Protein backbone atom coordinates (compact mmCIF):
# COMPACT_ATOMS: atom_id res chain seq x y z
CA MET A 1 -76.05 -51.49 188.29
CA TYR A 2 -74.35 -52.41 184.79
CA ARG A 3 -73.45 -48.83 184.42
CA VAL A 4 -70.95 -49.08 187.88
CA ALA A 5 -69.32 -52.10 186.33
CA VAL A 6 -68.92 -50.75 183.06
CA ILE A 7 -67.19 -47.51 184.58
CA ALA A 8 -65.21 -49.53 186.97
CA GLY A 9 -63.98 -51.82 184.52
CA LEU A 10 -63.13 -49.05 181.93
CA ALA A 11 -60.79 -47.28 185.00
CA LEU A 12 -59.10 -50.43 185.74
CA LEU A 13 -58.18 -50.74 181.99
CA VAL A 14 -57.02 -47.05 181.93
CA LEU A 15 -55.13 -47.62 184.95
CA ALA A 16 -53.20 -50.87 183.52
CA SER A 17 -52.68 -48.96 180.05
CA LEU A 18 -50.79 -46.23 182.19
CA LEU A 19 -48.84 -48.39 184.24
CA ILE A 20 -47.85 -51.27 181.95
CA GLY A 21 -45.02 -50.80 179.46
CA ALA A 22 -41.10 -51.86 178.75
CA ALA A 23 -40.00 -48.69 181.12
CA ASP A 24 -40.35 -48.66 184.67
CA LEU A 25 -41.96 -45.92 186.36
CA ARG A 26 -41.05 -46.80 189.95
CA GLY A 27 -39.19 -43.82 191.53
CA GLY A 28 -41.50 -41.12 190.33
CA SER A 29 -38.52 -39.24 188.33
CA VAL A 30 -38.89 -36.65 185.70
CA ASP A 31 -38.25 -39.08 182.94
CA SER A 32 -41.09 -41.31 184.33
CA TYR A 33 -43.41 -38.10 184.24
CA LEU A 34 -42.54 -37.13 180.55
CA LEU A 35 -43.36 -41.04 179.59
CA VAL A 36 -46.65 -40.64 181.16
CA MET A 37 -47.41 -37.36 179.81
CA VAL A 38 -46.06 -37.62 176.29
CA SER A 39 -46.75 -41.65 175.47
CA ARG A 40 -49.02 -43.38 177.97
CA ILE A 41 -51.68 -40.80 178.24
CA PRO A 42 -51.94 -40.21 174.49
CA ARG A 43 -51.55 -43.91 174.02
CA THR A 44 -54.57 -44.60 176.16
CA VAL A 45 -56.67 -41.90 174.82
CA ALA A 46 -55.78 -42.90 171.44
CA ALA A 47 -57.03 -46.66 172.04
CA LEU A 48 -60.41 -44.99 173.69
CA LEU A 49 -61.11 -42.83 170.58
CA ALA A 50 -60.11 -45.39 168.04
CA GLY A 51 -62.32 -48.01 169.44
CA ALA A 52 -65.16 -45.86 170.16
CA GLY A 53 -65.11 -44.49 166.57
CA LEU A 54 -64.92 -47.64 164.88
CA ALA A 55 -67.69 -48.97 166.89
CA LEU A 56 -69.98 -46.41 166.34
CA ALA A 57 -69.21 -46.41 162.51
CA GLY A 58 -70.15 -50.06 162.78
CA ALA A 59 -73.30 -49.46 164.33
CA VAL A 60 -74.32 -46.82 161.30
CA VAL A 61 -73.26 -49.16 158.65
CA GLN A 62 -75.23 -51.95 160.18
CA LEU A 63 -78.34 -50.05 160.17
CA ALA A 64 -77.81 -48.32 156.67
CA VAL A 65 -77.34 -51.79 154.86
CA GLN A 66 -79.82 -53.68 157.39
CA ASN A 67 -77.42 -56.34 157.95
CA ARG A 68 -75.71 -57.15 161.43
CA LEU A 69 -72.80 -59.17 159.80
CA VAL A 70 -71.31 -56.16 158.10
CA GLU A 71 -68.76 -53.76 159.34
CA PRO A 72 -66.61 -50.71 157.70
CA GLY A 73 -63.83 -53.11 157.27
CA LEU A 74 -66.26 -55.31 155.00
CA THR A 75 -67.29 -52.10 152.85
CA GLY A 76 -63.65 -51.28 151.40
CA THR A 77 -63.93 -48.27 153.50
CA PRO A 78 -60.32 -48.97 155.03
CA GLU A 79 -59.16 -49.66 151.77
CA SER A 80 -60.19 -46.56 150.13
CA ALA A 81 -58.90 -44.32 152.72
CA MET A 82 -55.46 -46.37 152.14
CA ALA A 83 -55.81 -45.39 148.52
CA GLY A 84 -56.45 -41.71 149.40
CA LEU A 85 -53.43 -41.75 151.36
CA LEU A 86 -51.17 -43.44 149.12
CA ALA A 87 -52.24 -40.48 146.51
CA VAL A 88 -51.02 -37.84 148.66
CA THR A 89 -48.10 -39.53 149.59
CA LEU A 90 -46.99 -40.02 145.98
CA ILE A 91 -48.15 -36.45 144.86
CA ALA A 92 -47.54 -34.35 147.93
CA PRO A 93 -45.56 -36.38 150.45
CA GLY A 94 -44.94 -33.43 152.53
CA ALA A 95 -48.27 -32.44 153.19
CA ALA A 96 -49.76 -31.56 156.43
CA LEU A 97 -51.75 -34.13 158.29
CA MET A 98 -55.37 -32.70 157.97
CA VAL A 99 -54.29 -32.71 154.38
CA LYS A 100 -53.95 -36.26 154.32
CA MET A 101 -57.06 -36.63 156.50
CA ILE A 102 -59.40 -34.94 154.13
CA VAL A 103 -58.14 -36.76 151.12
CA ALA A 104 -58.55 -39.97 152.70
CA SER A 105 -62.05 -39.52 154.10
CA LEU A 106 -63.08 -38.18 150.25
CA ALA A 107 -61.57 -41.50 148.93
CA ALA A 108 -63.18 -43.38 151.65
CA LEU A 109 -66.57 -42.01 150.93
CA VAL A 110 -66.38 -42.74 147.47
CA GLY A 111 -65.11 -46.25 148.27
CA THR A 112 -68.15 -46.82 150.62
CA PHE A 113 -70.44 -45.15 148.34
CA GLY A 114 -69.41 -47.90 145.78
CA PHE A 115 -70.15 -50.71 148.21
CA PHE A 116 -73.70 -49.45 148.88
CA ALA A 117 -74.37 -49.00 145.04
CA LEU A 118 -73.05 -53.02 144.73
CA SER A 119 -75.09 -53.74 147.64
CA ARG A 120 -78.34 -52.77 145.88
CA HIS A 121 -77.94 -55.54 143.68
CA VAL A 122 -77.22 -58.52 146.09
CA PRO A 123 -79.94 -60.64 147.12
CA ARG A 124 -80.78 -60.35 150.53
CA GLN A 125 -82.51 -63.43 151.61
CA ASP A 126 -79.36 -64.97 152.52
CA PRO A 127 -77.63 -62.55 155.27
CA MET A 128 -74.32 -63.96 154.72
CA LEU A 129 -73.76 -62.90 151.17
CA LEU A 130 -73.46 -59.25 151.24
CA PRO A 131 -70.59 -59.79 153.74
CA LEU A 132 -69.11 -62.24 151.45
CA VAL A 133 -69.39 -59.52 148.44
CA GLY A 134 -68.04 -56.45 150.84
CA LEU A 135 -65.04 -59.28 151.63
CA ILE A 136 -64.69 -59.62 147.83
CA TYR A 137 -64.94 -55.84 147.21
CA GLY A 138 -62.38 -54.76 150.20
CA GLY A 139 -59.89 -57.37 148.83
CA ILE A 140 -60.06 -55.88 145.38
CA LEU A 141 -59.46 -52.53 146.46
CA GLY A 142 -56.64 -53.54 148.74
CA ALA A 143 -54.92 -55.67 146.00
CA GLY A 144 -54.93 -52.33 143.99
CA VAL A 145 -53.78 -50.32 146.50
CA THR A 146 -50.77 -52.76 147.39
CA TRP A 147 -49.80 -53.28 143.73
CA PHE A 148 -49.59 -49.38 143.14
CA ALA A 149 -47.61 -49.30 146.37
CA TRP A 150 -45.53 -51.84 145.36
CA THR A 151 -44.74 -50.21 142.00
CA ALA A 152 -43.84 -47.06 144.03
CA ASP A 153 -41.60 -48.79 146.69
CA LEU A 154 -44.14 -47.73 149.24
CA VAL A 155 -45.46 -51.15 150.35
CA GLN A 156 -43.97 -50.31 154.10
CA TYR A 157 -46.32 -47.82 154.11
CA VAL A 158 -49.34 -50.08 153.61
CA GLY A 159 -47.87 -52.47 155.98
CA ILE A 160 -48.17 -49.25 158.68
CA TRP A 161 -51.80 -48.26 157.48
CA GLN A 162 -52.78 -52.05 158.23
CA SER A 163 -51.15 -52.59 161.28
CA GLY A 164 -53.39 -51.10 163.69
CA GLU A 165 -51.04 -50.57 166.88
CA PHE A 166 -50.54 -47.79 169.07
CA SER A 167 -46.51 -48.11 169.95
CA GLY A 168 -45.93 -44.91 167.66
CA VAL A 169 -48.47 -42.65 169.35
CA LEU A 170 -46.86 -39.92 171.00
CA ARG A 171 -48.30 -36.06 172.18
CA GLY A 172 -48.91 -34.24 169.12
CA ARG A 173 -49.42 -37.32 166.94
CA TYR A 174 -52.99 -38.50 167.85
CA GLU A 175 -54.92 -35.31 168.29
CA LEU A 176 -56.59 -35.98 164.92
CA LEU A 177 -58.62 -38.82 166.67
CA TRP A 178 -60.43 -36.05 168.89
CA LEU A 179 -62.42 -35.79 165.56
CA ILE A 180 -64.23 -38.70 166.59
CA ALA A 181 -65.57 -36.99 169.26
CA ILE A 182 -67.15 -34.53 166.96
CA MET A 183 -68.51 -37.46 164.67
CA ALA A 184 -70.40 -39.31 167.68
CA ALA A 185 -72.17 -35.66 168.53
CA LEU A 186 -73.49 -35.49 165.06
CA LEU A 187 -74.34 -39.33 165.23
CA TYR A 188 -76.16 -38.61 168.26
CA VAL A 189 -78.35 -35.91 166.77
CA ALA A 190 -78.99 -37.98 163.77
CA ALA A 191 -79.79 -40.75 165.96
CA ASP A 192 -83.15 -41.31 165.50
CA ARG A 193 -82.94 -40.68 161.86
CA ILE A 194 -80.38 -43.54 161.24
CA THR A 195 -82.76 -45.96 163.58
CA ILE A 196 -85.66 -45.30 160.75
CA LEU A 197 -83.28 -45.67 157.97
CA GLY A 198 -82.29 -49.16 159.20
CA LEU A 199 -86.12 -50.09 158.84
CA GLY A 200 -86.02 -49.77 155.11
CA ASP A 201 -86.23 -47.25 152.66
CA ASP A 202 -89.86 -47.50 151.82
CA TYR A 203 -90.72 -47.34 155.65
CA ALA A 204 -88.38 -44.32 155.91
CA ARG A 205 -90.40 -42.38 153.32
CA SER A 206 -93.54 -43.19 154.83
CA LEU A 207 -92.42 -41.15 158.11
CA GLY A 208 -91.44 -38.43 155.70
CA LEU A 209 -87.46 -38.86 156.13
CA ASN A 210 -85.20 -38.09 153.30
CA ALA A 211 -83.48 -41.24 153.42
CA ARG A 212 -81.01 -40.20 150.77
CA GLN A 213 -79.75 -37.30 153.07
CA THR A 214 -79.81 -39.37 156.00
CA LEU A 215 -77.44 -41.90 154.40
CA LEU A 216 -75.20 -39.28 153.19
CA VAL A 217 -74.78 -37.75 156.70
CA GLY A 218 -74.07 -41.34 157.90
CA LEU A 219 -71.80 -42.55 155.59
CA GLY A 220 -69.61 -39.02 155.65
CA VAL A 221 -69.32 -39.66 159.64
CA VAL A 222 -68.38 -43.27 158.93
CA SER A 223 -65.70 -42.23 156.35
CA ALA A 224 -64.23 -39.33 158.70
CA THR A 225 -63.92 -41.77 161.22
CA ILE A 226 -62.12 -44.67 159.43
CA ALA A 227 -59.76 -41.99 157.85
CA ALA A 228 -59.21 -40.58 161.17
CA VAL A 229 -58.46 -43.91 162.79
CA VAL A 230 -56.25 -45.33 159.38
CA VAL A 231 -54.37 -42.09 159.13
CA THR A 232 -53.23 -41.99 163.00
CA VAL A 233 -52.96 -45.50 164.12
CA GLY A 234 -54.03 -48.22 161.07
CA SER A 235 -56.93 -50.42 160.33
CA LEU A 236 -58.52 -52.50 163.17
CA PRO A 237 -60.84 -55.41 162.47
CA PHE A 238 -63.81 -56.93 163.66
CA VAL A 239 -64.50 -53.91 166.19
CA GLY A 240 -67.04 -52.44 164.40
CA LEU A 241 -68.83 -56.04 163.78
CA VAL A 242 -68.33 -57.35 167.28
CA VAL A 243 -69.12 -54.26 169.87
CA PRO A 244 -72.73 -53.16 167.79
CA ASN A 245 -74.09 -56.73 167.75
CA ILE A 246 -73.18 -57.26 171.73
CA VAL A 247 -74.78 -54.26 172.52
CA SER A 248 -77.87 -54.76 170.21
CA ARG A 249 -78.25 -58.47 171.57
CA TRP A 250 -78.30 -56.65 175.27
CA ARG A 251 -80.28 -53.74 174.60
CA GLY A 252 -82.25 -53.62 171.61
CA ASP A 253 -81.65 -51.47 168.48
CA ASN A 254 -82.44 -48.12 170.03
CA LEU A 255 -79.40 -46.16 168.41
CA ARG A 256 -79.84 -43.18 170.74
CA ALA A 257 -80.04 -45.30 173.64
CA ASN A 258 -77.17 -47.46 172.71
CA LEU A 259 -74.60 -44.98 171.47
CA PRO A 260 -72.99 -44.12 174.74
CA LEU A 261 -72.52 -47.86 175.81
CA ILE A 262 -71.56 -48.50 171.97
CA ALA A 263 -68.80 -45.97 172.39
CA VAL A 264 -67.57 -47.02 175.95
CA LEU A 265 -67.54 -50.68 175.12
CA GLY A 266 -65.73 -50.22 171.77
CA GLY A 267 -63.00 -48.01 173.23
CA ALA A 268 -62.73 -50.37 176.14
CA SER A 269 -62.27 -53.44 173.87
CA VAL A 270 -59.43 -51.59 171.72
CA LEU A 271 -57.77 -50.75 175.10
CA ALA A 272 -57.86 -54.29 176.46
CA ALA A 273 -56.30 -55.60 173.32
CA ASP A 274 -53.52 -53.31 173.19
CA VAL A 275 -52.99 -53.98 177.10
CA ILE A 276 -52.82 -57.53 176.36
CA GLY A 277 -50.65 -56.90 173.40
CA ARG A 278 -47.85 -55.29 175.86
CA VAL A 279 -48.33 -58.23 178.22
CA ILE A 280 -48.03 -61.32 176.42
CA ARG A 281 -44.67 -60.99 174.95
CA TRP A 282 -43.43 -58.31 177.24
CA PRO A 283 -41.20 -56.36 177.01
CA TYR A 284 -42.23 -56.62 173.26
CA GLU A 285 -45.54 -55.64 171.59
CA ILE A 286 -48.10 -57.53 169.66
CA PRO A 287 -50.30 -54.74 167.57
CA ALA A 288 -53.69 -54.38 169.03
CA GLY A 289 -54.92 -54.93 165.82
CA THR A 290 -53.87 -58.51 165.64
CA ILE A 291 -54.84 -59.30 169.16
CA PHE A 292 -58.42 -58.00 168.40
CA ALA A 293 -58.71 -59.78 165.24
CA VAL A 294 -57.96 -62.91 166.75
CA LEU A 295 -60.50 -62.41 169.93
CA GLY A 296 -63.07 -60.64 167.24
CA ALA A 297 -62.90 -63.70 165.24
CA GLY A 298 -64.10 -65.83 167.91
CA LEU A 299 -66.71 -63.32 169.34
CA PHE A 300 -67.96 -63.33 165.72
CA LEU A 301 -68.39 -67.09 165.62
CA TRP A 302 -70.11 -67.22 168.73
CA MET A 303 -72.59 -64.72 167.68
CA LEU A 304 -73.22 -66.68 164.28
CA TYR A 305 -74.36 -69.77 166.30
CA ALA A 306 -75.73 -68.42 169.73
CA THR A 307 -79.15 -68.05 170.11
CA PRO A 308 -79.89 -64.14 170.64
CA LYS A 309 -82.56 -63.38 173.58
CA GLN A 310 -85.29 -61.15 172.86
CA ALA A 311 -84.10 -57.71 173.80
CA THR A 312 -86.38 -54.86 174.28
CA SER A 313 -85.15 -51.02 173.25
CA ARG A 314 -84.36 -48.81 176.37
């Protein structure tokens, strides 16, 4: 029954995204058709792909560090991707989008590994301590990116990468996000290994799992996903934190069983935030990242204080 409700809700969100906007689609003119094909459909698909990718990345990071309060935004990954983009912009401003994507992915991978190296020295008794360390780590990286951008008169680029909005998404400028579908397929193949990794290094080794190799694959997927989102639409906070926790509380910790639902719920959440941003001050827009930051903060506080129900893996 819940599958029908999820599909129906997603279909309504997609329809709302296609119909809502400053331009009037009534009349069925050629201009209306072009608007839907060039702007509305790419924007809707971009929101779905970005939300799905961020939610899946959050699930992987939480299992890798064995902490449900951590997400890619608290590991310095977006800030590291921005540092890579800034370096490309300074060195080769005319580089192709794929080149920027590759450099941003490598920078994000380095930054994420830096957080994991730092996390090994953080006591795990208090689950709040690691997210606080990640917040400070990401803040330091973000401050460094902002300073270099200010010295090079590129602060406006950093603002775009941090905005998390879809108004500039057009056909031909979002296709890089389809890489997230490939990353999701890789995660599905490695889902059981990542689930075992979430039980701890010692337990993983006792089952014959190469923990280091599995961690490298998982972090590579996370870095590529975050880089694709930052390059295309900017950073979106809380998606990788809230969505995996909701699904985990509902259906347990079986990553392979939860992956489709995490992806659908992540995409629907970001699309809903984008639609709300278009409606709340129509005909002007509020970035989806701002909307989701407000809603995500409320959901995060609820998760901190709500008593989780016992869930069984399916």
